[in-house]
Protein backbone atom coordinates (compact mmCIF):
# COMPACT_ATOMS: atom_id res chain seq x y z
CA MET A 1 -3.19 27.58 -11.47
CA ASP A 2 -0.83 26.04 -8.74
CA PHE A 3 1.13 23.14 -8.92
CA ASN A 4 -1.54 20.68 -7.17
CA LEU A 5 -4.42 22.00 -9.37
CA LEU A 6 -2.32 21.26 -12.63
CA TYR A 7 -1.15 17.92 -11.37
CA GLY A 8 -4.49 16.39 -10.64
CA ILE A 9 -5.88 17.56 -13.79
CA LEU A 10 -2.68 15.98 -15.58
CA LEU A 11 -3.69 12.69 -13.28
CA ALA A 12 -7.34 12.93 -14.39
CA ILE A 13 -6.71 13.45 -18.31
CA CYS A 14 -4.10 10.68 -18.33
CA ALA A 15 -6.87 8.25 -16.78
CA GLY A 16 -9.39 9.71 -18.93
CA ILE A 17 -6.78 8.68 -21.90
CA GLY A 18 -6.31 5.34 -20.77
CA THR A 19 -10.02 4.59 -20.20
CA GLY A 20 -10.60 6.13 -23.56
CA THR A 21 -8.11 4.06 -25.68
CA LEU A 22 -9.24 1.00 -24.53
CA ALA A 23 -10.20 0.07 -28.00
CA VAL A 24 -6.81 0.10 -29.28
CA PRO A 25 -5.73 -3.55 -27.93
CA VAL A 26 -9.10 -4.77 -28.80
CA LYS A 27 -8.73 -3.57 -32.52
CA LEU A 28 -5.34 -5.69 -32.84
CA MET A 29 -7.21 -8.80 -31.67
CA ARG A 30 -8.29 -11.30 -34.60
CA LYS A 31 -8.98 -14.72 -32.85
CA LEU A 32 -10.19 -13.92 -29.32
CA GLN A 33 -13.91 -12.86 -28.98
CA PHE A 34 -15.03 -10.69 -26.11
CA GLU A 35 -15.53 -13.33 -23.63
CA GLN A 36 -12.18 -14.51 -23.81
CA PHE A 37 -10.25 -11.00 -23.62
CA TRP A 38 -12.34 -9.65 -21.43
CA PHE A 39 -12.11 -12.49 -19.03
CA VAL A 40 -8.43 -12.36 -19.43
CA GLY A 41 -8.17 -8.54 -19.05
CA MET A 42 -10.58 -8.29 -15.94
CA LEU A 43 -8.98 -11.28 -14.13
CA PHE A 44 -5.42 -9.88 -14.56
CA GLY A 45 -6.20 -6.04 -14.34
CA LEU A 46 -8.93 -6.09 -11.47
CA ILE A 47 -7.88 -8.87 -9.40
CA ILE A 48 -4.43 -10.15 -9.59
CA ILE A 49 -2.45 -6.80 -10.06
CA PRO A 50 -4.35 -5.13 -7.39
CA TRP A 51 -4.63 -7.64 -4.43
CA GLY A 52 -1.16 -9.24 -5.36
CA PHE A 53 0.34 -5.72 -4.81
CA VAL A 54 -1.54 -5.30 -1.66
CA TRP A 55 -0.16 -8.86 -0.43
CA LEU A 56 3.19 -7.66 -1.17
CA THR A 57 3.08 -4.26 0.38
CA ILE A 58 0.43 -4.15 3.34
CA PRO A 59 1.56 -6.09 6.17
CA ASP A 60 -1.55 -8.21 7.61
CA PRO A 61 -3.88 -7.13 4.92
CA LEU A 62 -6.66 -9.05 6.41
CA GLY A 63 -6.33 -7.55 9.55
CA MET A 64 -6.55 -4.28 8.26
CA TYR A 65 -9.64 -4.72 6.42
CA ALA A 66 -11.37 -6.27 9.74
CA GLN A 67 -10.39 -3.22 11.42
CA VAL A 68 -12.25 -1.00 8.92
CA GLY A 69 -15.21 -2.94 9.50
CA TRP A 70 -17.93 -4.89 7.14
CA LYS A 71 -20.19 -1.90 6.48
CA PRO A 72 -18.05 0.70 4.47
CA LEU A 73 -16.58 -2.18 2.25
CA LEU A 74 -20.17 -3.90 1.62
CA ILE A 75 -21.35 -0.16 0.68
CA ALA A 76 -18.38 0.61 -1.61
CA ASN A 77 -18.61 -2.73 -3.21
CA LEU A 78 -22.20 -2.56 -3.70
CA ILE A 79 -21.72 0.53 -5.54
CA SER A 80 -18.80 -0.71 -7.34
CA ILE A 81 -21.00 -3.82 -8.75
CA GLY A 82 -23.34 -1.59 -10.21
CA TRP A 83 -20.40 -0.25 -12.25
CA GLY A 84 -19.66 -3.95 -12.92
CA ILE A 85 -23.29 -4.25 -14.36
CA ALA A 86 -23.10 -1.18 -16.20
CA ASN A 87 -20.08 -2.74 -18.56
CA VAL A 88 -22.25 -5.77 -19.23
CA LEU A 89 -25.13 -3.85 -20.10
CA PHE A 90 -22.71 -1.52 -22.52
CA GLY A 91 -21.72 -4.46 -24.62
CA ILE A 92 -25.97 -5.49 -24.96
CA CYS A 93 -26.95 -1.89 -25.67
CA ILE A 94 -24.49 -1.38 -28.50
CA ILE A 95 -26.18 -4.28 -30.19
CA ARG A 96 -29.88 -3.12 -29.48
CA ILE A 97 -29.53 0.57 -30.01
CA GLY A 98 -26.30 1.04 -31.58
CA ALA A 99 -22.59 2.24 -30.52
CA ALA A 100 -22.99 6.14 -30.94
CA LEU A 101 -26.36 6.40 -28.98
CA THR A 102 -25.05 4.11 -26.19
CA GLY A 103 -21.77 5.83 -25.78
CA ALA A 104 -23.80 9.34 -25.62
CA ILE A 105 -26.53 8.15 -23.18
CA MET A 106 -23.98 6.42 -20.90
CA SER A 107 -21.56 9.40 -20.94
CA GLY A 108 -24.29 12.05 -20.25
CA MET A 109 -25.86 9.96 -17.36
CA SER A 110 -22.46 8.88 -15.87
CA VAL A 111 -20.96 12.30 -15.49
CA SER A 112 -24.33 13.68 -14.28
CA VAL A 113 -24.75 11.34 -11.32
CA GLY A 114 -20.75 10.84 -10.58
CA VAL A 115 -20.22 14.62 -10.75
CA THR A 116 -23.36 16.04 -8.96
CA LEU A 117 -23.98 13.13 -6.11
CA PRO A 118 -21.08 13.92 -4.08
CA MET A 119 -21.95 17.71 -3.67
CA ILE A 120 -25.63 16.46 -2.44
CA VAL A 121 -24.23 13.43 -0.40
CA LYS A 122 -20.99 14.18 1.07
CA GLY A 123 -18.43 11.40 0.69
CA GLY A 124 -15.99 10.65 3.40
CA GLY A 125 -12.53 12.06 4.10
CA GLN A 126 -11.65 15.33 2.54
CA PHE A 127 -14.83 14.94 0.30
CA LYS A 128 -17.15 15.50 3.24
CA ASP A 129 -15.95 19.27 3.24
CA ALA A 130 -16.93 19.26 -0.87
CA PRO A 131 -19.33 22.49 -1.41
CA GLY A 132 -22.60 22.33 -2.36
CA LEU A 133 -24.49 22.26 -5.75
CA LEU A 134 -25.64 26.18 -4.98
CA ASP A 135 -22.55 27.39 -3.62
CA PRO A 136 -20.48 29.24 -6.55
CA ALA A 137 -18.22 26.38 -7.23
CA GLY A 138 -21.02 24.21 -7.35
CA LEU A 139 -22.59 26.07 -9.79
CA ALA A 140 -19.43 26.63 -12.00
CA VAL A 141 -19.55 22.35 -11.92
CA LEU A 142 -22.78 22.34 -12.92
CA GLY A 143 -21.92 24.55 -15.80
CA GLY A 144 -19.13 22.26 -16.82
CA VAL A 145 -21.38 19.49 -16.80
CA ALA A 146 -24.00 21.12 -18.76
CA VAL A 147 -20.86 21.77 -21.68
CA MET A 148 -19.68 18.31 -21.54
CA ILE A 149 -23.12 16.94 -21.77
CA ALA A 150 -23.31 19.14 -24.91
CA GLY A 151 -19.95 17.99 -26.31
CA VAL A 152 -21.40 14.20 -25.88
CA ILE A 153 -24.09 15.07 -27.79
CA LEU A 154 -22.38 16.71 -30.54
CA CYS A 155 -20.32 13.57 -30.83
CA ALA A 156 -23.58 11.51 -31.02
CA VAL A 157 -24.66 13.62 -33.87
CA ALA A 158 -21.25 13.10 -35.49
CA GLY A 159 -21.30 9.23 -34.85
CA PHE A 160 -24.83 9.32 -36.79
CA GLY A 161 -23.80 11.37 -39.49
CA ARG A 162 -20.68 9.23 -40.31
CA ASP A 163 -22.61 5.92 -40.16
CA ARG A 164 -25.09 7.43 -42.72
CA ALA A 165 -22.04 8.71 -45.08
CA ILE A 166 -20.55 5.19 -45.07
CA VAL A 167 -23.74 3.79 -46.24
CA LYS A 168 -23.50 3.02 -50.27
CA GLY A 169 -25.93 4.18 -52.57
CA ASP A 170 -29.54 4.34 -51.36
CA GLN A 171 -29.21 1.51 -48.85
CA PRO A 172 -30.21 1.87 -45.61
CA PRO A 173 -27.98 0.95 -42.83
CA PRO A 174 -29.44 -2.25 -40.85
CA PRO A 175 -31.48 -1.73 -37.85
CA ALA A 176 -30.29 -2.26 -34.37
CA ALA A 177 -30.94 -5.84 -33.11
CA GLY A 178 -33.34 -6.03 -30.33
CA GLY A 179 -35.97 -3.96 -28.93
CA PHE A 180 -35.31 0.02 -29.31
CA LEU A 181 -37.13 1.17 -25.96
CA GLY A 182 -35.50 -1.51 -24.04
CA GLY A 183 -31.93 -0.80 -25.23
CA LEU A 184 -32.77 3.00 -24.44
CA ILE A 185 -34.18 1.93 -20.81
CA MET A 186 -30.89 -0.21 -20.51
CA ALA A 187 -28.62 2.59 -21.54
CA VAL A 188 -29.92 5.07 -19.16
CA LEU A 189 -29.35 2.42 -16.21
CA ALA A 190 -25.95 1.62 -17.50
CA GLY A 191 -24.92 5.15 -17.30
CA ILE A 192 -25.81 5.66 -13.98
CA LEU A 193 -24.53 2.68 -12.79
CA ALA A 194 -21.43 3.33 -14.60
CA ALA A 195 -20.61 6.67 -12.22
CA GLY A 196 -20.09 3.66 -9.25
CA ILE A 197 -16.16 3.55 -10.24
CA GLY A 198 -16.20 7.19 -9.09
CA LEU A 199 -18.59 6.93 -6.15
CA SER A 200 -17.25 3.95 -4.59
CA TYR A 201 -13.92 5.69 -4.01
CA VAL A 202 -15.67 8.76 -2.91
CA TYR A 203 -17.66 6.85 -0.19
CA GLY A 204 -15.36 4.07 0.36
CA GLN A 205 -11.98 5.18 0.75
CA ALA A 206 -11.69 7.01 3.73
CA PRO A 207 -12.10 3.73 6.32
CA ILE A 208 -9.12 2.01 4.63
CA ARG A 209 -6.91 5.39 4.65
CA ASP A 210 -7.65 5.55 8.34
CA ALA A 211 -6.77 1.90 9.24
CA LEU A 212 -3.56 2.68 7.20
CA LYS A 213 -2.82 5.93 8.56
CA TYR A 214 0.26 4.88 11.44
CA SER A 215 1.24 1.61 9.70
CA ASN A 216 4.30 3.40 7.43
CA VAL A 217 2.29 2.44 4.33
CA GLY A 218 3.20 4.89 1.82
CA ASP A 219 0.13 6.86 -0.52
CA ILE A 220 0.51 4.31 -3.67
CA PRO A 221 0.35 0.97 -1.69
CA THR A 222 -2.74 3.14 0.48
CA ASP A 223 -4.60 3.58 -2.62
CA VAL A 224 -4.18 0.28 -4.25
CA ALA A 225 -5.32 -1.39 -1.21
CA VAL A 226 -8.60 1.10 -1.50
CA TRP A 227 -9.28 -0.16 -4.98
CA ALA A 228 -8.84 -3.81 -4.26
CA ALA A 229 -11.38 -3.59 -1.38
CA ILE A 230 -13.75 -1.35 -3.07
CA LEU A 231 -13.60 -3.02 -6.70
CA PHE A 232 -13.79 -6.33 -5.57
CA GLY A 233 -17.73 -6.49 -6.00
CA GLY A 234 -17.39 -4.86 -9.46
CA ALA A 235 -14.27 -6.98 -10.37
CA LEU A 236 -16.44 -9.99 -9.68
CA VAL A 237 -19.25 -9.09 -12.15
CA ASN A 238 -16.72 -8.56 -14.98
CA VAL A 239 -14.81 -11.72 -14.62
CA ALA A 240 -18.26 -13.55 -14.08
CA TYR A 241 -19.94 -12.31 -16.96
CA PRO A 242 -17.29 -13.60 -19.66
CA ALA A 243 -16.97 -16.90 -17.83
CA TRP A 244 -20.61 -17.85 -18.38
CA LEU A 245 -20.33 -16.54 -21.97
CA MET A 246 -17.47 -19.25 -22.42
CA THR A 247 -19.20 -22.14 -20.35
CA LYS A 248 -22.34 -21.01 -22.62
CA HIS A 249 -20.83 -21.50 -26.06
CA ARG A 250 -18.13 -23.83 -24.81
CA SER A 251 -15.28 -21.65 -25.69
CA TRP A 252 -13.00 -22.04 -23.04
CA SER A 253 -10.36 -23.95 -24.96
CA LYS A 254 -9.53 -20.62 -27.22
CA LEU A 255 -7.57 -19.46 -24.30
CA ALA A 256 -5.06 -22.29 -24.94
CA THR A 257 -4.83 -21.52 -28.57
CA CYS A 258 -4.22 -17.33 -28.70
CA TRP A 259 -1.24 -16.93 -26.54
CA PRO A 260 -0.17 -13.38 -28.38
CA GLU A 261 -3.76 -12.22 -27.91
CA LEU A 262 -3.69 -13.19 -24.26
CA LEU A 263 -0.65 -10.81 -24.08
CA LEU A 264 -2.97 -7.88 -25.63
CA ALA A 265 -5.90 -9.08 -23.36
CA ALA A 266 -3.53 -8.77 -19.96
CA GLU A 267 -2.28 -5.06 -21.38
CA LEU A 268 -5.92 -4.24 -21.62
CA GLY A 269 -6.53 -5.12 -18.02
CA ALA A 270 -3.00 -3.61 -16.67
CA GLN A 271 -4.42 -0.47 -18.69
CA ILE A 272 -7.75 -0.52 -17.16
CA ILE A 273 -6.43 -0.51 -13.66
CA VAL A 274 -3.82 1.72 -14.02
CA ALA A 275 -6.33 4.37 -15.16
CA ILE A 276 -8.38 3.48 -12.26
CA PHE A 277 -5.55 4.31 -9.81
CA LEU A 278 -5.00 7.64 -11.47
CA ILE A 279 -8.73 8.81 -11.16
CA GLY A 280 -8.61 7.95 -7.29
CA TYR A 281 -4.91 9.84 -7.01
CA SER A 282 -6.44 12.85 -9.05
CA MET A 283 -9.77 12.99 -6.73
CA LEU A 284 -6.98 13.34 -3.69
CA VAL A 285 -4.92 15.80 -5.15
CA LEU A 286 -7.52 18.16 -6.24
CA GLY A 287 -8.66 18.42 -2.65
CA VAL A 288 -12.31 18.54 -1.19
CA LEU A 289 -14.06 19.07 -4.93
CA GLY A 290 -11.62 16.22 -6.16
CA GLY A 291 -14.36 13.61 -6.36
CA PRO A 292 -16.72 15.49 -8.97
CA ILE A 293 -14.03 17.33 -10.38
CA GLY A 294 -11.60 14.30 -11.12
CA PHE A 295 -14.45 12.00 -12.51
CA GLY A 296 -15.80 14.87 -14.55
CA ILE A 297 -12.29 15.51 -16.18
CA GLN A 298 -11.79 11.86 -16.78
CA GLN A 299 -15.18 11.34 -18.11
CA THR A 300 -14.59 14.09 -20.45
CA THR A 301 -11.15 12.87 -21.67
CA GLN A 302 -12.12 9.63 -22.11
CA VAL A 303 -14.78 10.70 -24.66
CA VAL A 304 -12.27 12.63 -26.45
CA GLY A 305 -9.94 9.42 -26.16
CA ASN A 306 -12.89 7.19 -27.94
CA GLN A 307 -13.12 9.83 -30.68
CA ALA A 308 -9.32 9.93 -31.14
CA VAL A 309 -8.97 6.21 -31.25
CA GLY A 310 -11.72 6.32 -33.91
CA PHE A 311 -10.04 9.01 -36.06
CA PHE A 312 -6.48 7.31 -36.04
CA SER A 313 -7.72 3.58 -36.78
CA GLY A 314 -9.53 4.68 -39.82
CA GLU A 315 -13.10 5.05 -38.82
CA TRP A 316 -13.10 8.57 -40.06
CA ARG A 317 -11.29 7.56 -43.60
CA GLY A 318 -13.22 9.11 -46.21
CA ILE A 319 -15.55 10.86 -44.20
CA HIS A 320 -15.63 14.55 -45.01
CA GLY A 321 -17.93 17.75 -44.53
CA LYS A 322 -20.41 17.72 -41.77
CA PRO A 323 -19.81 15.20 -39.72
CA ARG A 324 -15.95 15.66 -39.47
CA MET A 325 -16.44 19.25 -38.70
CA GLN A 326 -19.45 17.97 -35.90
CA MET A 327 -16.62 15.72 -34.37
CA PHE A 328 -14.07 18.45 -34.46
CA SER A 329 -16.27 20.76 -32.45
CA ALA A 330 -17.57 18.22 -30.14
CA VAL A 331 -13.79 17.55 -29.08
CA ALA A 332 -13.44 21.14 -28.88
CA VAL A 333 -16.36 21.83 -26.61
CA LEU A 334 -15.17 18.70 -23.92
CA ILE A 335 -12.00 20.84 -23.82
CA GLY A 336 -13.91 23.62 -22.68
CA ALA A 337 -15.80 21.50 -20.13
CA VAL A 338 -12.53 20.73 -18.66
CA ALA A 339 -11.37 24.33 -18.35
CA ILE A 340 -14.72 25.26 -16.58
CA LEU A 341 -14.38 22.10 -14.29
CA ALA A 342 -10.73 23.13 -13.47
CA TYR A 343 -11.92 26.90 -12.75
CA ALA A 344 -14.76 25.48 -10.21
CA GLN A 345 -12.10 24.12 -8.44
CA THR A 346 -10.44 27.15 -7.87
CA LEU A 347 -13.47 28.43 -6.25
CA SER A 348 -14.04 25.97 -3.96
CA ARG A 349 -10.80 27.38 -1.68
């Protein structure tokens, strides 16, 4: 395994851990509701940090984006808006069909779309040379996706087993609110749209990089300039929805009463944007197949991170036997999926 492959894999793993442990600051909050901490976190993480960095490091950023042209920026933002909508649907689906099933469907659909599409419809820049699905590397990637989906399903089964184990006596678990079929459809749609975080980069980064190629701007400012532009649409969705909820619930005043938790919300936003930066950089380091492989590894380790947060936060306390073994087995399967994706990258050279 050469240095670039190892480095790219480690970056993607760190990105997955970053997104997979987002529940940690949320679990520490006691007063703020979703609409408050999500509004502050997304405003800080997806708008203030990247755009502040762009204005500090890029000479004449508006002129640079004008040089890129409106069409590639519009396409990338439409894709990222899908990711923003997926975040909203995620919260609705948890209420309708439960967290375990929602997480399994979204992860499986997201990795299926985000990994396979760049090998069918080629991306820009280095990603335009990605192998096809029927090439040896492409078949290996499909194998990794199949293993990952199996691991995600096993995670869901373990989650259902845990929920049954914590029910006391013969009392059945409370049913999920809302229509199950509608929630199922929304979860599938959310899983497809959630792949937009990776696809927006695969299809939108090349024109911006070309515009900055001869401006003596370093790799990090260039990558931040890419993400600031292509994620703007998704960022607006993530900020506008909780703002609408606070207006509906008349709860804006809570923002002025919970300063320590506002810092946690800001940390949440910073964690998200750093993880997003790592996703893009890992894709570049991993070469022509970096789009699908970087995204696939990030999604896989995100699921592992979710399980780790649940385990160490006490969600599995007192749960023994089959559900716990299924959870450990799911993690092992997901690690195997990462190994297969890494092997696929070596076949793309």
